Amino acid sequence: MCHRAEMVGDAAKQLQLIQKSLTEMNIKIQHVFSDIDGVSAQAIIAAILTGERDAKKLAALRDKRCRSSSEDIIEALKGDAY
């Protein structure tokens, strides 16, 4: 296998691990972002890693070009209410 194919495969595995971790934390952003490696999703993930937990502040980080509404993002960040 060529080096590029290995790198692409490794990147895909890392994105799957990120998605799994977010799901385990009850954060469902994969339902509102088609690509968790995109600008909006990465900005939200970075803010979560720095300690931000307010869903409204996190939703405000979405890129202007994002098709998902702030309300949908807030619901996804809240996860499943029990």
PDB file of N, CA and C in Angstrom:
ATOM      1  N   MET A   1       0.847  -1.170   0.000  1.00  0.00           N
ATOM      2  CA  MET A   1       0.000   0.000   0.000  1.00  0.00           C
ATOM      3  C   MET A   1       0.900   1.244   0.000  1.00  0.00           C
ATOM      4  N   CYS A   2       0.480   2.262  -0.737  1.00  0.00           N
ATOM      5  CA  CYS A   2       1.303   3.467  -0.817  1.00  0.00           C
ATOM      6  C   CYS A   2       1.130   4.329   0.435  1.00  0.00           C
ATOM      7  N   HIS A   3       2.082   5.185   0.636  1.00  0.00           N
ATOM      8  CA  HIS A   3       2.115   6.024   1.837  1.00  0.00           C
ATOM      9  C   HIS A   3       0.874   6.917   1.942  1.00  0.00           C
ATOM     10  N   ARG A   4       0.444   7.477   0.821  1.00  0.00           N
ATOM     11  CA  ARG A   4      -0.733   8.362   0.828  1.00  0.00           C
ATOM     12  C   ARG A   4      -1.970   7.611   1.280  1.00  0.00           C
ATOM     13  N   ALA A   5      -2.163   6.411   0.799  1.00  0.00           N
ATOM     14  CA  ALA A   5      -3.331   5.610   1.187  1.00  0.00           C
ATOM     15  C   ALA A   5      -3.312   5.312   2.683  1.00  0.00           C
ATOM     16  N   GLU A   6      -2.135   5.060   3.227  1.00  0.00           N
ATOM     17  CA  GLU A   6      -2.016   4.829   4.667  1.00  0.00           C
ATOM     18  C   GLU A   6      -2.388   6.080   5.454  1.00  0.00           C
ATOM     19  N   MET A   7      -1.921   7.231   4.991  1.00  0.00           N
ATOM     20  CA  MET A   7      -2.219   8.495   5.676  1.00  0.00           C
ATOM     21  C   MET A   7      -3.716   8.796   5.641  1.00  0.00           C
ATOM     22  N   VAL A   8      -4.353   8.576   4.506  1.00  0.00           N
ATOM     23  CA  VAL A   8      -5.795   8.807   4.384  1.00  0.00           C
ATOM     24  C   VAL A   8      -6.558   7.848   5.298  1.00  0.00           C
ATOM     25  N   GLY A   9      -6.137   6.612   5.344  1.00  0.00           N
ATOM     26  CA  GLY A   9      -6.767   5.631   6.217  1.00  0.00           C
ATOM     27  C   GLY A   9      -6.620   5.984   7.681  1.00  0.00           C
ATOM     28  N   ASP A  10      -5.440   6.445   8.065  1.00  0.00           N
ATOM     29  CA  ASP A  10      -5.203   6.854   9.450  1.00  0.00           C
ATOM     30  C   ASP A  10      -6.057   8.063   9.826  1.00  0.00           C
ATOM     31  N   ALA A  11      -6.186   9.006   8.903  1.00  0.00           N
ATOM     32  CA  ALA A  11      -7.009  10.194   9.162  1.00  0.00           C
ATOM     33  C   ALA A  11      -8.471   9.798   9.353  1.00  0.00           C
ATOM     34  N   ALA A  12      -8.943   8.872   8.543  1.00  0.00           N
ATOM     35  CA  ALA A  12     -10.328   8.401   8.670  1.00  0.00           C
ATOM     36  C   ALA A  12     -10.550   7.712  10.011  1.00  0.00           C
ATOM     37  N   LYS A  13      -9.576   6.923  10.457  1.00  0.00           N
ATOM     38  CA  LYS A  13      -9.686   6.256  11.757  1.00  0.00           C
ATOM     39  C   LYS A  13      -9.755   7.275  12.886  1.00  0.00           C
ATOM     40  N   GLN A  14      -8.956   8.334  12.795  1.00  0.00           N
ATOM     41  CA  GLN A  14      -8.954   9.365  13.835  1.00  0.00           C
ATOM     42  C   GLN A  14     -10.295  10.093  13.891  1.00  0.00           C
ATOM     43  N   LEU A  15     -10.880  10.376  12.724  1.00  0.00           N
ATOM     44  CA  LEU A  15     -12.192  11.022  12.700  1.00  0.00           C
ATOM     45  C   LEU A  15     -13.263  10.112  13.304  1.00  0.00           C
ATOM     46  N   GLN A  16     -13.161   8.816  13.051  1.00  0.00           N
ATOM     47  CA  GLN A  16     -14.109   7.868  13.649  1.00  0.00           C
ATOM     48  C   GLN A  16     -13.960   7.834  15.166  1.00  0.00           C
ATOM     49  N   LEU A  17     -12.736   7.903  15.659  1.00  0.00           N
ATOM     50  CA  LEU A  17     -12.508   7.933  17.105  1.00  0.00           C
ATOM     51  C   LEU A  17     -13.069   9.214  17.730  1.00  0.00           C
ATOM     52  N   ILE A  18     -12.917  10.340  17.048  1.00  0.00           N
ATOM     53  CA  ILE A  18     -13.485  11.596  17.534  1.00  0.00           C
ATOM     54  C   ILE A  18     -14.997  11.486  17.603  1.00  0.00           C
ATOM     55  N   GLN A  19     -15.594  10.960  16.537  1.00  0.00           N
ATOM     56  CA  GLN A  19     -17.050  10.811  16.493  1.00  0.00           C
ATOM     57  C   GLN A  19     -17.528   9.874  17.599  1.00  0.00           C
ATOM     58  N   LYS A  20     -16.824   8.796  17.836  1.00  0.00           N
ATOM     59  CA  LYS A  20     -17.189   7.856  18.889  1.00  0.00           C
ATOM     60  C   LYS A  20     -17.103   8.530  20.255  1.00  0.00           C
ATOM     61  N   SER A  21     -16.054   9.295  20.484  1.00  0.00           N
ATOM     62  CA  SER A  21     -15.891  10.000  21.755  1.00  0.00           C
ATOM     63  C   SER A  21     -17.011  11.003  21.980  1.00  0.00           C
ATOM     64  N   LEU A  22     -17.366  11.743  20.941  1.00  0.00           N
ATOM     65  CA  LEU A  22     -18.463  12.711  21.058  1.00  0.00           C
ATOM     66  C   LEU A  22     -19.782  12.007  21.361  1.00  0.00           C
ATOM     67  N   THR A  23     -20.012  10.884  20.721  1.00  0.00           N
ATOM     68  CA  THR A  23     -21.233  10.121  20.968  1.00  0.00           C
ATOM     69  C   THR A  23     -21.270   9.612  22.401  1.00  0.00           C
ATOM     70  N   GLU A  24     -20.145   9.157  22.915  1.00  0.00           N
ATOM     71  CA  GLU A  24     -20.076   8.688  24.297  1.00  0.00           C
ATOM     72  C   GLU A  24     -20.311   9.821  25.289  1.00  0.00           C
ATOM     73  N   MET A  25     -19.987  11.059  24.885  1.00  0.00           N
ATOM     74  CA  MET A  25     -20.237  12.220  25.734  1.00  0.00           C
ATOM     75  C   MET A  25     -21.647  12.768  25.528  1.00  0.00           C
ATOM     76  N   ASN A  26     -22.460  12.073  24.739  1.00  0.00           N
ATOM     77  CA  ASN A  26     -23.838  12.451  24.441  1.00  0.00           C
ATOM     78  C   ASN A  26     -23.916  13.748  23.646  1.00  0.00           C
ATOM     79  N   ILE A  27     -22.948  13.980  22.781  1.00  0.00           N
ATOM     80  CA  ILE A  27     -22.932  15.125  21.884  1.00  0.00           C
ATOM     81  C   ILE A  27     -23.161  14.581  20.484  1.00  0.00           C
ATOM     82  N   LYS A  28     -24.244  14.996  19.853  1.00  0.00           N
ATOM     83  CA  LYS A  28     -24.667  14.408  18.579  1.00  0.00           C
ATOM     84  C   LYS A  28     -24.441  15.355  17.398  1.00  0.00           C
ATOM     85  N   ILE A  29     -23.272  15.972  17.323  1.00  0.00           N
ATOM     86  CA  ILE A  29     -23.065  16.945  16.249  1.00  0.00           C
ATOM     87  C   ILE A  29     -22.980  16.307  14.870  1.00  0.00           C
ATOM     88  N   GLN A  30     -22.762  14.993  14.804  1.00  0.00           N
ATOM     89  CA  GLN A  30     -22.719  14.356  13.495  1.00  0.00           C
ATOM     90  C   GLN A  30     -24.096  14.388  12.815  1.00  0.00           C
ATOM     91  N   HIS A  31     -25.142  14.686  13.586  1.00  0.00           N
ATOM     92  CA  HIS A  31     -26.484  14.774  13.010  1.00  0.00           C
ATOM     93  C   HIS A  31     -26.737  16.129  12.355  1.00  0.00           C
ATOM     94  N   VAL A  32     -25.962  17.142  12.692  1.00  0.00           N
ATOM     95  CA  VAL A  32     -26.171  18.468  12.113  1.00  0.00           C
ATOM     96  C   VAL A  32     -25.038  18.903  11.186  1.00  0.00           C
ATOM     97  N   PHE A  33     -23.896  18.251  11.274  1.00  0.00           N
ATOM     98  CA  PHE A  33     -22.778  18.557  10.378  1.00  0.00           C
ATOM     99  C   PHE A  33     -22.483  17.337   9.525  1.00  0.00           C
ATOM    100  N   SER A  34     -22.407  17.544   8.227  1.00  0.00           N
ATOM    101  CA  SER A  34     -22.119  16.421   7.338  1.00  0.00           C
ATOM    102  C   SER A  34     -20.674  15.960   7.475  1.00  0.00           C
ATOM    103  N   ASP A  35     -19.815  16.848   7.964  1.00  0.00           N
ATOM    104  CA  ASP A  35     -18.400  16.528   8.086  1.00  0.00           C
ATOM    105  C   ASP A  35     -17.871  17.073   9.404  1.00  0.00           C
ATOM    106  N   ILE A  36     -17.522  16.193  10.340  1.00  0.00           N
ATOM    107  CA  ILE A  36     -17.026  16.684  11.625  1.00  0.00           C
ATOM    108  C   ILE A  36     -15.603  17.229  11.512  1.00  0.00           C
ATOM    109  N   ASP A  37     -15.036  17.155  10.336  1.00  0.00           N
ATOM    110  CA  ASP A  37     -13.722  17.735  10.085  1.00  0.00           C
ATOM    111  C   ASP A  37     -13.850  19.128   9.461  1.00  0.00           C
ATOM    112  N   GLY A  38     -15.085  19.627   9.365  1.00  0.00           N
ATOM    113  CA  GLY A  38     -15.322  20.936   8.779  1.00  0.00           C
ATOM    114  C   GLY A  38     -15.034  22.071   9.745  1.00  0.00           C
ATOM    115  N   VAL A  39     -15.142  23.281   9.244  1.00  0.00           N
ATOM    116  CA  VAL A  39     -14.797  24.479  10.010  1.00  0.00           C
ATOM    117  C   VAL A  39     -15.666  24.602  11.262  1.00  0.00           C
ATOM    118  N   SER A  40     -16.980  24.497  11.104  1.00  0.00           N
ATOM    119  CA  SER A  40     -17.887  24.689  12.240  1.00  0.00           C
ATOM    120  C   SER A  40     -17.698  23.614  13.298  1.00  0.00           C
ATOM    121  N   ALA A  41     -17.686  22.371  12.874  1.00  0.00           N
ATOM    122  CA  ALA A  41     -17.549  21.265  13.826  1.00  0.00           C
ATOM    123  C   ALA A  41     -16.210  21.336  14.556  1.00  0.00           C
ATOM    124  N   GLN A  42     -15.156  21.666  13.847  1.00  0.00           N
ATOM    125  CA  GLN A  42     -13.843  21.741  14.479  1.00  0.00           C
ATOM    126  C   GLN A  42     -13.760  22.907  15.465  1.00  0.00           C
ATOM    127  N   ALA A  43     -14.421  24.028  15.154  1.00  0.00           N
ATOM    128  CA  ALA A  43     -14.439  25.165  16.086  1.00  0.00           C
ATOM    129  C   ALA A  43     -15.175  24.778  17.368  1.00  0.00           C
ATOM    130  N   ILE A  44     -16.279  24.060  17.233  1.00  0.00           N
ATOM    131  CA  ILE A  44     -17.050  23.633  18.403  1.00  0.00           C
ATOM    132  C   ILE A  44     -16.264  22.617  19.220  1.00  0.00           C
ATOM    133  N   ILE A  45     -15.641  21.666  18.557  1.00  0.00           N
ATOM    134  CA  ILE A  45     -14.847  20.651  19.263  1.00  0.00           C
ATOM    135  C   ILE A  45     -13.686  21.318  20.003  1.00  0.00           C
ATOM    136  N   ALA A  46     -13.010  22.263  19.360  1.00  0.00           N
ATOM    137  CA  ALA A  46     -11.895  22.964  20.010  1.00  0.00           C
ATOM    138  C   ALA A  46     -12.374  23.718  21.249  1.00  0.00           C
ATOM    139  N   ALA A  47     -13.544  24.348  21.165  1.00  0.00           N
ATOM    140  CA  ALA A  47     -14.077  25.071  22.321  1.00  0.00           C
ATOM    141  C   ALA A  47     -14.448  24.118  23.447  1.00  0.00           C
ATOM    142  N   ILE A  48     -14.998  22.962  23.104  1.00  0.00           N
ATOM    143  CA  ILE A  48     -15.326  21.958  24.120  1.00  0.00           C
ATOM    144  C   ILE A  48     -14.051  21.502  24.819  1.00  0.00           C
ATOM    145  N   LEU A  49     -12.987  21.303  24.054  1.00  0.00           N
ATOM    146  CA  LEU A  49     -11.721  20.865  24.637  1.00  0.00           C
ATOM    147  C   LEU A  49     -11.096  21.911  25.550  1.00  0.00           C
ATOM    148  N   THR A  50     -11.414  23.181  25.314  1.00  0.00           N
ATOM    149  CA  THR A  50     -10.894  24.230  26.194  1.00  0.00           C
ATOM    150  C   THR A  50     -11.784  24.454  27.412  1.00  0.00           C
ATOM    151  N   GLY A  51     -12.919  23.734  27.466  1.00  0.00           N
ATOM    152  CA  GLY A  51     -13.756  23.796  28.663  1.00  0.00           C
ATOM    153  C   GLY A  51     -15.109  24.452  28.492  1.00  0.00           C
ATOM    154  N   GLU A  52     -15.428  24.944  27.313  1.00  0.00           N
ATOM    155  CA  GLU A  52     -16.728  25.593  27.104  1.00  0.00           C
ATOM    156  C   GLU A  52     -17.829  24.533  27.083  1.00  0.00           C
ATOM    157  N   ARG A  53     -18.911  24.776  27.819  1.00  0.00           N
ATOM    158  CA  ARG A  53     -20.016  23.819  27.876  1.00  0.00           C
ATOM    159  C   ARG A  53     -21.358  24.433  27.524  1.00  0.00           C
ATOM    160  N   ASP A  54     -21.435  25.764  27.410  1.00  0.00           N
ATOM    161  CA  ASP A  54     -22.694  26.438  27.106  1.00  0.00           C
ATOM    162  C   ASP A  54     -23.055  26.195  25.637  1.00  0.00           C
ATOM    163  N   ALA A  55     -24.172  25.507  25.409  1.00  0.00           N
ATOM    164  CA  ALA A  55     -24.573  25.128  24.051  1.00  0.00           C
ATOM    165  C   ALA A  55     -24.810  26.344  23.165  1.00  0.00           C
ATOM    166  N   LYS A  56     -25.332  27.423  23.720  1.00  0.00           N
ATOM    167  CA  LYS A  56     -25.585  28.624  22.911  1.00  0.00           C
ATOM    168  C   LYS A  56     -24.271  29.258  22.447  1.00  0.00           C
ATOM    169  N   LYS A  57     -23.288  29.308  23.333  1.00  0.00           N
ATOM    170  CA  LYS A  57     -21.981  29.859  22.955  1.00  0.00           C
ATOM    171  C   LYS A  57     -21.308  28.968  21.921  1.00  0.00           C
ATOM    172  N   LEU A  58     -21.445  27.661  22.094  1.00  0.00           N
ATOM    173  CA  LEU A  58     -20.850  26.733  21.127  1.00  0.00           C
ATOM    174  C   LEU A  58     -21.525  26.850  19.765  1.00  0.00           C
ATOM    175  N   ALA A  59     -22.845  26.965  19.756  1.00  0.00           N
ATOM    176  CA  ALA A  59     -23.576  27.085  18.489  1.00  0.00           C
ATOM    177  C   ALA A  59     -23.225  28.383  17.770  1.00  0.00           C
ATOM    178  N   ALA A  60     -22.877  29.412  18.524  1.00  0.00           N
ATOM    179  CA  ALA A  60     -22.504  30.693  17.919  1.00  0.00           C
ATOM    180  C   ALA A  60     -21.190  30.599  17.149  1.00  0.00           C
ATOM    181  N   LEU A  61     -20.433  29.535  17.364  1.00  0.00           N
ATOM    182  CA  LEU A  61     -19.158  29.356  16.666  1.00  0.00           C
ATOM    183  C   LEU A  61     -19.319  28.822  15.245  1.00  0.00           C
ATOM    184  N   ARG A  62     -20.535  28.487  14.875  1.00  0.00           N
ATOM    185  CA  ARG A  62     -20.738  27.903  13.544  1.00  0.00           C
ATOM    186  C   ARG A  62     -20.376  28.902  12.456  1.00  0.00           C
ATOM    187  N   ASP A  63     -19.876  28.398  11.365  1.00  0.00           N
ATOM    188  CA  ASP A  63     -19.482  29.217  10.226  1.00  0.00           C
ATOM    189  C   ASP A  63     -20.733  29.797   9.562  1.00  0.00           C
ATOM    190  N   LYS A  64     -20.605  30.963   8.973  1.00  0.00           N
ATOM    191  CA  LYS A  64     -21.747  31.625   8.313  1.00  0.00           C
ATOM    192  C   LYS A  64     -22.326  30.775   7.191  1.00  0.00           C
ATOM    193  N   ARG A  65     -21.503  29.958   6.578  1.00  0.00           N
ATOM    194  CA  ARG A  65     -21.954  29.136   5.452  1.00  0.00           C
ATOM    195  C   ARG A  65     -22.649  27.852   5.896  1.00  0.00           C
ATOM    196  N   CYS A  66     -22.687  27.596   7.189  1.00  0.00           N
ATOM    197  CA  CYS A  66     -23.269  26.363   7.720  1.00  0.00           C
ATOM    198  C   CYS A  66     -24.772  26.340   7.448  1.00  0.00           C
ATOM    199  N   ARG A  67     -25.271  25.234   6.956  1.00  0.00           N
ATOM    200  CA  ARG A  67     -26.690  25.101   6.623  1.00  0.00           C
ATOM    201  C   ARG A  67     -27.552  24.800   7.837  1.00  0.00           C
ATOM    202  N   SER A  68     -26.983  24.223   8.868  1.00  0.00           N
ATOM    203  CA  SER A  68     -27.743  23.886  10.074  1.00  0.00           C
ATOM    204  C   SER A  68     -28.019  25.154  10.881  1.00  0.00           C
ATOM    205  N   SER A  69     -29.227  25.224  11.422  1.00  0.00           N
ATOM    206  CA  SER A  69     -29.584  26.387  12.230  1.00  0.00           C
ATOM    207  C   SER A  69     -28.939  26.292  13.611  1.00  0.00           C
ATOM    208  N   SER A  70     -28.856  27.432  14.278  1.00  0.00           N
ATOM    209  CA  SER A  70     -28.307  27.446  15.636  1.00  0.00           C
ATOM    210  C   SER A  70     -29.139  26.581  16.566  1.00  0.00           C
ATOM    211  N   GLU A  71     -30.456  26.588  16.377  1.00  0.00           N
ATOM    212  CA  GLU A  71     -31.345  25.791  17.224  1.00  0.00           C
ATOM    213  C   GLU A  71     -31.060  24.295  17.073  1.00  0.00           C
ATOM    214  N   ASP A  72     -30.850  23.854  15.834  1.00  0.00           N
ATOM    215  CA  ASP A  72     -30.538  22.443  15.601  1.00  0.00           C
ATOM    216  C   ASP A  72     -29.205  22.059  16.243  1.00  0.00           C
ATOM    217  N   ILE A  73     -28.242  22.952  16.156  1.00  0.00           N
ATOM    218  CA  ILE A  73     -26.922  22.687  16.739  1.00  0.00           C
ATOM    219  C   ILE A  73     -27.027  22.621  18.262  1.00  0.00           C
ATOM    220  N   ILE A  74     -27.793  23.527  18.846  1.00  0.00           N
ATOM    221  CA  ILE A  74     -27.980  23.519  20.302  1.00  0.00           C
ATOM    222  C   ILE A  74     -28.602  22.203  20.749  1.00  0.00           C
ATOM    223  N   GLU A  75     -29.605  21.728  20.038  1.00  0.00           N
ATOM    224  CA  GLU A  75     -30.239  20.448  20.387  1.00  0.00           C
ATOM    225  C   GLU A  75     -29.254  19.291  20.266  1.00  0.00           C
ATOM    226  N   ALA A  76     -28.419  19.324  19.234  1.00  0.00           N
ATOM    227  CA  ALA A  76     -27.429  18.264  19.051  1.00  0.00           C
ATOM    228  C   ALA A  76     -26.383  18.287  20.156  1.00  0.00           C
ATOM    229  N   LEU A  77     -26.047  19.480  20.632  1.00  0.00           N
ATOM    230  CA  LEU A  77     -25.061  19.592  21.710  1.00  0.00           C
ATOM    231  C   LEU A  77     -25.629  19.152  23.044  1.00  0.00           C
ATOM    232  N   LYS A  78     -26.940  19.261  23.198  1.00  0.00           N
ATOM    233  CA  LYS A  78     -27.586  18.800  24.420  1.00  0.00           C
ATOM    234  C   LYS A  78     -27.687  17.281  24.460  1.00  0.00           C
ATOM    235  N   GLY A  79     -27.680  16.652  23.283  1.00  0.00           N
ATOM    236  CA  GLY A  79     -27.773  15.201  23.215  1.00  0.00           C
ATOM    237  C   GLY A  79     -29.167  14.718  23.562  1.00  0.00           C
ATOM    238  N   ASP A  80     -29.253  13.501  24.025  1.00  0.00           N
ATOM    239  CA  ASP A  80     -30.525  12.897  24.415  1.00  0.00           C
ATOM    240  C   ASP A  80     -30.810  13.221  25.867  1.00  0.00           C
ATOM    241  N   ALA A  81     -31.935  13.841  26.102  1.00  0.00           N
ATOM    242  CA  ALA A  81     -32.317  14.133  27.487  1.00  0.00           C
ATOM    243  C   ALA A  81     -32.923  12.884  28.109  1.00  0.00           C
ATOM    244  N   TYR A  82     -32.501  12.573  29.297  1.00  0.00           N
ATOM    245  CA  TYR A  82     -33.020  11.392  29.975  1.00  0.00           C
ATOM    246  C   TYR A  82     -33.954  11.780  31.082  1.00  0.00           C
TER     247      TYR A  82
END
